[in-house]
C-alpha atoms as a PDB file:
ATOM      1  CA  UNK A   1     -16.631 171.321 -74.188  1.00  0.00           C
ATOM      2  CA  UNK A   2     -17.949 172.986 -77.290  1.00  0.00           C
ATOM      3  CA  UNK A   3     -16.332 172.051 -80.581  1.00  0.00           C
ATOM      4  CA  UNK A   4     -16.843 172.644 -84.354  1.00  0.00           C
ATOM      5  CA  UNK A   5     -17.363 169.108 -85.733  1.00  0.00           C
ATOM      6  CA  UNK A   6     -17.182 167.764 -89.278  1.00  0.00           C
ATOM      7  CA  UNK A   7     -19.679 164.965 -89.406  1.00  0.00           C
ATOM      8  CA  UNK A   8     -20.095 164.718 -93.147  1.00  0.00           C
ATOM      9  CA  UNK A   9     -17.822 166.072 -95.973  1.00  0.00           C
ATOM     10  CA  UNK A  10     -19.230 169.086 -97.739  1.00  0.00           C
ATOM     11  CA  UNK A  11     -21.818 169.852 -95.066  1.00  0.00           C
ATOM     12  CA  UNK A  12     -21.780 172.780 -92.525  1.00  0.00           C
ATOM     13  CA  UNK A  13     -19.860 172.149 -89.247  1.00  0.00           C
ATOM     14  CA  UNK A  14     -21.955 171.425 -86.260  1.00  0.00           C
ATOM     15  CA  UNK A  15     -21.247 173.079 -82.920  1.00  0.00           C
ATOM     16  CA  UNK A  16     -21.482 170.214 -80.444  1.00  0.00           C
ATOM     17  CA  UNK A  17     -20.858 169.409 -76.757  1.00  0.00           C
ATOM     18  CA  UNK A  18     -18.004 166.812 -76.615  1.00  0.00           C
ATOM     19  CA  UNK A  19     -16.186 165.177 -73.712  1.00  0.00           C
ATOM     20  CA  UNK A  20     -12.833 166.625 -72.608  1.00  0.00           C
ATOM     21  CA  UNK A  21     -10.320 163.803 -73.078  1.00  0.00           C
ATOM     22  CA  UNK A  22      -7.496 163.283 -70.559  1.00  0.00           C
ATOM     23  CA  UNK A  23      -3.941 163.079 -71.896  1.00  0.00           C
ATOM     24  CA  UNK A  24      -2.334 159.676 -72.352  1.00  0.00           C
ATOM     25  CA  UNK A  25       1.360 158.923 -72.370  1.00  0.00           C
ATOM     26  CA  UNK A  26       3.295 161.602 -74.172  1.00  0.00           C
ATOM     27  CA  UNK A  27       0.300 163.901 -74.477  1.00  0.00           C
ATOM     28  CA  UNK A  28      -0.898 167.164 -73.022  1.00  0.00           C
ATOM     29  CA  UNK A  29      -4.294 168.773 -72.630  1.00  0.00           C
ATOM     30  CA  UNK A  30      -4.573 172.370 -73.760  1.00  0.00           C
ATOM     31  CA  UNK A  31      -7.216 174.969 -72.947  1.00  0.00           C
ATOM     32  CA  UNK A  32      -7.451 176.642 -76.357  1.00  0.00           C
ATOM     33  CA  UNK A  33      -7.342 180.470 -76.379  1.00  0.00           C
ATOM     34  CA  UNK A  34      -7.225 180.988 -80.129  1.00  0.00           C
ATOM     35  CA  UNK A  35      -7.264 178.800 -83.259  1.00  0.00           C
ATOM     36  CA  UNK A  36      -6.592 180.117 -86.675  1.00  0.00           C
ATOM     37  CA  UNK A  37      -8.523 179.077 -89.801  1.00  0.00           C
ATOM     38  CA  UNK A  38      -6.145 177.688 -92.421  1.00  0.00           C
ATOM     39  CA  UNK A  39      -6.792 177.538 -96.121  1.00  0.00           C
ATOM     40  CA  UNK A  40      -6.590 173.719 -95.862  1.00  0.00           C
ATOM     41  CA  UNK A  41      -9.443 173.586 -93.338  1.00  0.00           C
ATOM     42  CA  UNK A  42     -11.996 173.951 -96.155  1.00  0.00           C
ATOM     43  CA  UNK A  43     -10.547 171.081 -98.299  1.00  0.00           C
ATOM     44  CA  UNK A  44     -10.365 169.017 -95.141  1.00  0.00           C
ATOM     45  CA  UNK A  45     -14.022 169.629 -94.378  1.00  0.00           C
ATOM     46  CA  UNK A  46     -14.881 168.828 -97.955  1.00  0.00           C
ATOM     47  CA  UNK A  47     -12.972 165.518 -98.026  1.00  0.00           C
ATOM     48  CA  UNK A  48     -10.452 166.798-100.629  1.00  0.00           C
ATOM     49  CA  UNK A  49      -7.180 165.860 -98.865  1.00  0.00           C
ATOM     50  CA  UNK A  50      -5.345 162.625 -99.749  1.00  0.00           C
ATOM     51  CA  UNK A  51      -5.483 161.316 -96.167  1.00  0.00           C
ATOM     52  CA  UNK A  52      -8.478 159.548 -94.729  1.00  0.00           C
ATOM     53  CA  UNK A  53      -9.651 161.099 -91.464  1.00  0.00           C
ATOM     54  CA  UNK A  54     -11.503 159.453 -88.721  1.00  0.00           C
ATOM     55  CA  UNK A  55     -15.126 160.656 -88.671  1.00  0.00           C
ATOM     56  CA  UNK A  56     -16.384 162.764 -87.081  1.00  0.00           C
ATOM     57  CA  UNK A  57     -13.464 165.115 -86.491  1.00  0.00           C
ATOM     58  CA  UNK A  58     -12.646 168.576 -85.218  1.00  0.00           C
ATOM     59  CA  UNK A  59     -10.738 170.933 -87.549  1.00  0.00           C
ATOM     60  CA  UNK A  60      -7.940 173.280 -86.538  1.00  0.00           C
ATOM     61  CA  UNK A  61      -4.162 173.043 -86.673  1.00  0.00           C
ATOM     62  CA  UNK A  62      -3.306 176.565 -85.656  1.00  0.00           C
ATOM     63  CA  UNK A  63      -4.185 176.504 -81.965  1.00  0.00           C
ATOM     64  CA  UNK A  64      -2.504 178.204 -79.067  1.00  0.00           C
ATOM     65  CA  UNK A  65      -3.400 177.989 -75.371  1.00  0.00           C
ATOM     66  CA  UNK A  66      -2.420 176.944 -71.878  1.00  0.00           C
ATOM     67  CA  UNK A  67      -1.459 173.435 -70.822  1.00  0.00           C
ATOM     68  CA  UNK A  68      -4.003 172.270 -68.187  1.00  0.00           C
ATOM     69  CA  UNK A  69      -2.930 168.651 -67.803  1.00  0.00           C
ATOM     70  CA  UNK A  70       0.095 166.560 -68.580  1.00  0.00           C
ATOM     71  CA  UNK A  71       0.136 162.850 -69.323  1.00  0.00           C
ATOM     72  CA  UNK A  72       2.628 160.268 -68.145  1.00  0.00           C
ATOM     73  CA  UNK A  73       6.226 160.563 -69.282  1.00  0.00           C
ATOM     74  CA  UNK A  74       5.999 164.235 -70.370  1.00  0.00           C
ATOM     75  CA  UNK A  75       9.009 166.195 -69.120  1.00  0.00           C
ATOM     76  CA  UNK A  76       9.304 169.046 -71.638  1.00  0.00           C
ATOM     77  CA  UNK A  77       5.954 170.721 -70.877  1.00  0.00           C
ATOM     78  CA  UNK A  78       4.177 171.549 -67.604  1.00  0.00           C
ATOM     79  CA  UNK A  79       0.797 172.871 -66.487  1.00  0.00           C
ATOM     80  CA  UNK A  80       0.466 176.540 -67.101  1.00  0.00           C
ATOM     81  CA  UNK A  81       2.897 176.614 -70.088  1.00  0.00           C
ATOM     82  CA  UNK A  82       1.728 178.421 -73.231  1.00  0.00           C
ATOM     83  CA  UNK A  83       2.030 176.104 -76.273  1.00  0.00           C
ATOM     84  CA  UNK A  84       0.973 176.164 -79.916  1.00  0.00           C
ATOM     85  CA  UNK A  85      -0.201 173.216 -81.922  1.00  0.00           C
ATOM     86  CA  UNK A  86       0.737 172.927 -85.606  1.00  0.00           C
ATOM     87  CA  UNK A  87      -0.656 170.600 -88.254  1.00  0.00           C
ATOM     88  CA  UNK A  88       1.988 167.959 -87.584  1.00  0.00           C
ATOM     89  CA  UNK A  89       0.612 166.056 -84.573  1.00  0.00           C
ATOM     90  CA  UNK A  90       3.403 163.534 -84.784  1.00  0.00           C
ATOM     91  CA  UNK A  91       5.699 161.552 -87.135  1.00  0.00           C
ATOM     92  CA  UNK A  92       7.424 158.145 -86.799  1.00  0.00           C
ATOM     93  CA  UNK A  93      10.717 159.602 -85.656  1.00  0.00           C
ATOM     94  CA  UNK A  94      12.704 156.778 -87.351  1.00  0.00           C
ATOM     95  CA  UNK A  95      12.550 157.161 -91.148  1.00  0.00           C
ATOM     96  CA  UNK A  96      15.118 159.072 -93.251  1.00  0.00           C
ATOM     97  CA  UNK A  97      12.771 162.081 -93.388  1.00  0.00           C
ATOM     98  CA  UNK A  98      12.369 162.215 -89.587  1.00  0.00           C
ATOM     99  CA  UNK A  99      16.121 161.671 -88.771  1.00  0.00           C
ATOM    100  CA  UNK A 100      17.138 164.455 -91.236  1.00  0.00           C
ATOM    101  CA  UNK A 101      14.747 167.110 -89.975  1.00  0.00           C
ATOM    102  CA  UNK A 102      12.015 166.630 -92.624  1.00  0.00           C
ATOM    103  CA  UNK A 103       9.302 165.155 -90.342  1.00  0.00           C
ATOM    104  CA  UNK A 104       6.681 167.016 -92.421  1.00  0.00           C
ATOM    105  CA  UNK A 105       7.376 164.530 -95.265  1.00  0.00           C
ATOM    106  CA  UNK A 106       7.141 161.383 -93.099  1.00  0.00           C
ATOM    107  CA  UNK A 107       4.884 158.766 -94.713  1.00  0.00           C
ATOM    108  CA  UNK A 108       3.535 157.888 -91.224  1.00  0.00           C
ATOM    109  CA  UNK A 109       2.837 161.443 -90.094  1.00  0.00           C
ATOM    110  CA  UNK A 110      -0.424 162.185 -88.264  1.00  0.00           C
ATOM    111  CA  UNK A 111      -2.256 165.463 -88.947  1.00  0.00           C
ATOM    112  CA  UNK A 112      -3.809 167.679 -86.288  1.00  0.00           C
ATOM    113  CA  UNK A 113      -7.330 168.787 -87.090  1.00  0.00           C
ATOM    114  CA  UNK A 114      -7.880 165.903 -89.560  1.00  0.00           C
ATOM    115  CA  UNK A 115      -6.594 162.522 -88.272  1.00  0.00           C
ATOM    116  CA  UNK A 116      -6.474 163.793 -84.614  1.00  0.00           C
ATOM    117  CA  UNK A 117      -9.032 166.328 -83.361  1.00  0.00           C
ATOM    118  CA  UNK A 118      -7.822 169.882 -83.631  1.00  0.00           C
ATOM    119  CA  UNK A 119      -8.148 173.251 -82.056  1.00  0.00           C
ATOM    120  CA  UNK A 120     -11.655 174.434 -83.141  1.00  0.00           C
ATOM    121  CA  UNK A 121     -12.711 173.428 -79.642  1.00  0.00           C
ATOM    122  CA  UNK A 122     -12.398 174.645 -76.100  1.00  0.00           C
ATOM    123  CA  UNK A 123      -9.842 171.918 -75.285  1.00  0.00           C
ATOM    124  CA  UNK A 124      -7.556 169.694 -77.283  1.00  0.00           C
ATOM    125  CA  UNK A 125      -4.990 166.905 -76.903  1.00  0.00           C
ATOM    126  CA  UNK A 126      -1.538 167.413 -78.350  1.00  0.00           C
ATOM    127  CA  UNK A 127       1.659 165.427 -78.534  1.00  0.00           C
ATOM    128  CA  UNK A 128       4.036 167.145 -76.123  1.00  0.00           C
ATOM    129  CA  UNK A 129       7.026 166.559 -78.504  1.00  0.00           C
ATOM    130  CA  UNK A 130       5.401 168.468 -81.345  1.00  0.00           C
ATOM    131  CA  UNK A 131       4.186 171.676 -79.782  1.00  0.00           C
ATOM    132  CA  UNK A 132       5.733 175.148 -80.032  1.00  0.00           C
ATOM    133  CA  UNK A 133       6.715 176.741 -76.803  1.00  0.00           C
ATOM    134  CA  UNK A 134       5.828 180.418 -76.096  1.00  0.00           C
ATOM    135  CA  UNK A 135       6.637 182.867 -73.403  1.00  0.00           C
ATOM    136  CA  UNK A 136       3.907 183.347 -70.718  1.00  0.00           C
ATOM    137  CA  UNK A 137       2.953 186.779 -71.980  1.00  0.00           C
ATOM    138  CA  UNK A 138       3.830 189.763 -74.101  1.00  0.00           C
ATOM    139  CA  UNK A 139       2.047 188.778 -77.319  1.00  0.00           C
ATOM    140  CA  UNK A 140      -1.476 188.496 -78.762  1.00  0.00           C
ATOM    141  CA  UNK A 141      -2.716 184.915 -78.848  1.00  0.00           C
ATOM    142  CA  UNK A 142      -5.002 185.771 -81.800  1.00  0.00           C
ATOM    143  CA  UNK A 143      -2.184 187.179 -83.854  1.00  0.00           C
ATOM    144  CA  UNK A 144       0.170 184.303 -83.004  1.00  0.00           C
ATOM    145  CA  UNK A 145      -2.228 181.349 -83.836  1.00  0.00           C
ATOM    146  CA  UNK A 146      -2.041 181.564 -87.622  1.00  0.00           C
ATOM    147  CA  UNK A 147       1.789 181.290 -87.756  1.00  0.00           C
ATOM    148  CA  UNK A 148       1.552 177.819 -86.296  1.00  0.00           C
ATOM    149  CA  UNK A 149       0.832 176.398 -89.742  1.00  0.00           C
ATOM    150  CA  UNK A 150       3.480 178.211 -91.699  1.00  0.00           C
ATOM    151  CA  UNK A 151       5.633 178.113 -88.583  1.00  0.00           C
ATOM    152  CA  UNK A 152       6.106 174.336 -88.855  1.00  0.00           C
END
């Protein structure tokens, strides 16, 4: 697949051919149709966020597309579903923030497009428990993608 890759902070992204990963337990593989560009993508690419990403990484946390593969123990999503992927890839699920609906403040949160490769690629892996579910049609994917950040 083609992906926009950050190899070095502050340098232009490189368009590269990367392998398509298969989903592991609790994960899904998405064929990305659209991925918005968030205002935090630039600080992420410049290394200005307080988290430490794995290098290299693929930006993008406003992605929407079709589920093309489902990993073991996924029951809430099936192949063919339309899902959106926000910046919150996952959280611990056990701390006070997580148990009171504030997962976005979890100290063990994992960020899509920074810690885990994001949607500026043809395919991406997502945690099935943290995706938004969309109807199969009746909307514009390109208009919908940007709300996945603010929509968290």
